[in-house]
Amino acid sequence: MDGAELIRQLGQKIGISDLALSQENSCGVLFDDDDVLFEVHNGNLFIVAEIGRGAEADREKLFEIFMDANHLGHATGFGSLGYDPEREMFTLTRVLPEEIEFAKFEEQLVLFIKALRYWKNYLKNGGPVEEESSAQPSSMLGGLS
């Protein structure tokens, strides 16, 4: 299955029947307040989202925390936390092979959104917070679990 088909099936699953990749091989989906970008490049499907800016004074400490979280993907849903200097924004990115079964794609997308919400809350609250039921994306993804 290719990236275009994965996105088409995702659209069907979440009730957006015309969801498709653009001519630039990308599209965005808003899951509640979480804007997620999908891009296909060189046989890979990139899933990207902005986490936030974080406090300027805490930037060095955040880099250290994010590096630890990136180690073996243990706190990122196997994605990677990064920093976009042009936008001055922290990001979360996950790269999947374009040729992946839809069920595996769903599973990985749920992990991505859980990690995204954790890190957005982390930046917003200045540290770890207890996971809330709203951090669970299953209701937005048509019952994915």
Protein backbone atom coordinates (compact mmCIF):
# COMPACT_ATOMS: atom_id res chain seq x y z
CA MET A 1 0.00 0.00 0.00
CA ASP A 2 1.40 3.41 -0.87
CA GLY A 3 1.17 6.72 0.99
CA ALA A 4 -1.72 8.01 -1.12
CA GLU A 5 -3.76 4.92 -0.29
CA LEU A 6 -2.90 5.14 3.42
CA ILE A 7 -4.16 8.73 3.49
CA ARG A 8 -7.29 7.80 1.52
CA GLN A 9 -8.08 5.01 4.00
CA LEU A 10 -7.36 7.31 6.95
CA GLY A 11 -9.88 9.77 5.49
CA GLN A 12 -12.50 7.05 5.27
CA LYS A 13 -11.79 5.96 8.84
CA ILE A 14 -12.17 9.48 10.28
CA GLY A 15 -15.05 10.60 8.07
CA ILE A 16 -13.20 12.83 5.60
CA SER A 17 -14.07 11.06 2.38
CA ASP A 18 -12.06 13.39 0.12
CA LEU A 19 -8.83 13.32 2.14
CA ALA A 20 -5.94 12.94 -0.30
CA LEU A 21 -2.35 13.94 -0.85
CA SER A 22 -1.86 17.20 -2.75
CA GLN A 23 0.27 17.53 -5.90
CA GLU A 24 3.15 18.21 -3.50
CA ASN A 25 2.49 14.79 -1.86
CA SER A 26 1.30 16.26 1.42
CA CYS A 27 -1.86 16.93 3.40
CA GLY A 28 -2.82 17.99 6.87
CA VAL A 29 -5.39 16.65 9.30
CA LEU A 30 -6.64 18.36 12.44
CA PHE A 31 -7.25 15.90 15.29
CA ASP A 32 -9.02 18.12 17.83
CA ASP A 33 -6.36 20.81 18.42
CA ASP A 34 -3.55 18.75 16.95
CA ASP A 35 -2.54 19.73 13.42
CA VAL A 36 -0.71 16.79 11.84
CA LEU A 37 1.05 17.00 8.47
CA PHE A 38 1.60 13.95 6.27
CA GLU A 39 4.21 14.05 3.50
CA VAL A 40 5.45 11.34 1.16
CA HIS A 41 9.09 11.52 0.01
CA ASN A 42 11.34 8.85 -1.50
CA GLY A 43 9.18 5.92 -0.39
CA ASN A 44 8.69 7.21 3.15
CA LEU A 45 5.66 8.69 4.88
CA PHE A 46 6.60 11.55 7.19
CA ILE A 47 4.22 12.46 10.01
CA VAL A 48 5.06 15.90 11.42
CA ALA A 49 3.51 18.19 14.03
CA GLU A 50 4.53 21.32 15.89
CA ILE A 51 4.76 20.96 19.65
CA GLY A 52 5.28 24.58 20.63
CA ARG A 53 7.93 27.16 21.39
CA GLY A 54 8.82 26.56 25.03
CA ALA A 55 10.26 29.20 27.29
CA GLU A 56 13.38 30.88 25.91
CA ALA A 57 15.07 30.67 29.30
CA ASP A 58 14.53 26.90 29.41
CA ARG A 59 15.69 26.18 25.86
CA GLU A 60 19.00 24.52 26.81
CA LYS A 61 17.31 22.31 29.42
CA LEU A 62 14.59 21.37 26.92
CA PHE A 63 17.21 20.27 24.41
CA GLU A 64 18.67 17.96 27.05
CA ILE A 65 15.25 16.57 27.97
CA PHE A 66 14.34 16.05 24.31
CA MET A 67 17.64 14.30 23.59
CA ASP A 68 16.91 11.89 26.43
CA ALA A 69 13.35 11.35 25.16
CA ASN A 70 14.67 10.67 21.64
CA HIS A 71 17.02 7.95 22.85
CA LEU A 72 15.62 4.74 21.35
CA GLY A 73 12.30 6.55 20.85
CA HIS A 74 11.28 5.65 24.40
CA ALA A 75 9.28 8.84 25.06
CA THR A 76 8.35 9.85 21.53
CA GLY A 77 6.27 6.99 20.17
CA PHE A 78 9.39 6.02 18.17
CA GLY A 79 9.44 9.46 16.60
CA SER A 80 11.96 12.21 17.12
CA LEU A 81 11.72 15.59 18.75
CA GLY A 82 13.43 18.40 16.90
CA TYR A 83 13.72 22.13 16.58
CA ASP A 84 12.87 24.19 13.50
CA PRO A 85 15.05 27.32 13.80
CA GLU A 86 13.20 29.16 11.00
CA ARG A 87 9.89 28.90 12.84
CA GLU A 88 11.46 28.79 16.31
CA MET A 89 9.27 25.79 17.02
CA PHE A 90 9.80 22.37 18.55
CA THR A 91 8.47 19.54 16.41
CA LEU A 92 7.71 15.84 16.57
CA THR A 93 8.40 13.75 13.47
CA ARG A 94 7.83 10.09 12.68
CA VAL A 95 9.00 8.42 9.48
CA LEU A 96 7.31 5.25 8.28
CA PRO A 97 7.95 3.22 5.16
CA GLU A 98 5.34 4.12 2.56
CA GLU A 99 4.69 0.42 2.00
CA ILE A 100 3.05 -0.36 5.36
CA GLU A 101 -0.22 -2.10 6.11
CA PHE A 102 -3.04 0.23 7.15
CA ALA A 103 -3.50 -1.45 10.56
CA LYS A 104 0.17 -0.83 11.39
CA PHE A 105 -0.12 2.76 10.14
CA GLU A 106 -3.13 3.29 12.45
CA GLU A 107 -1.21 1.89 15.40
CA GLN A 108 1.78 4.14 14.71
CA LEU A 109 -0.42 7.21 14.20
CA VAL A 110 -2.07 6.63 17.59
CA LEU A 111 1.37 6.41 19.24
CA PHE A 112 2.40 9.60 17.44
CA ILE A 113 -0.65 11.55 18.61
CA LYS A 114 -0.23 10.31 22.19
CA ALA A 115 3.41 11.46 22.15
CA LEU A 116 2.44 14.77 20.51
CA ARG A 117 -0.13 15.50 23.21
CA TYR A 118 2.26 14.52 25.98
CA TRP A 119 4.97 16.91 24.72
CA LYS A 120 2.52 19.75 23.98
CA ASN A 121 1.28 19.45 27.58
CA TYR A 122 4.87 19.23 28.80
CA LEU A 123 5.76 22.56 27.15
CA LYS A 124 2.50 24.20 28.16
CA ASN A 125 2.87 23.18 31.82
CA GLY A 126 6.65 23.46 32.12
CA GLY A 127 7.13 19.80 32.93
CA PRO A 128 5.53 16.37 33.04
CA VAL A 129 1.80 16.11 33.67
CA GLU A 130 -0.46 13.19 34.38
CA GLU A 131 -1.96 11.73 31.24
CA GLU A 132 -5.57 12.78 30.83
CA SER A 133 -8.24 10.86 29.00
CA SER A 134 -8.28 13.67 26.41
CA ALA A 135 -4.73 12.70 25.52
CA GLN A 136 -6.09 9.47 24.07
CA PRO A 137 -6.64 9.91 20.34
CA SER A 138 -8.96 6.92 19.82
CA SER A 139 -12.14 9.02 19.78
CA MET A 140 -10.78 11.29 17.04
CA LEU A 141 -9.57 8.42 14.87
CA GLY A 142 -12.87 6.63 14.59
CA GLY A 143 -12.19 4.24 17.44
CA LEU A 144 -8.57 3.42 16.74
CA SER A 145 -6.87 1.92 19.71
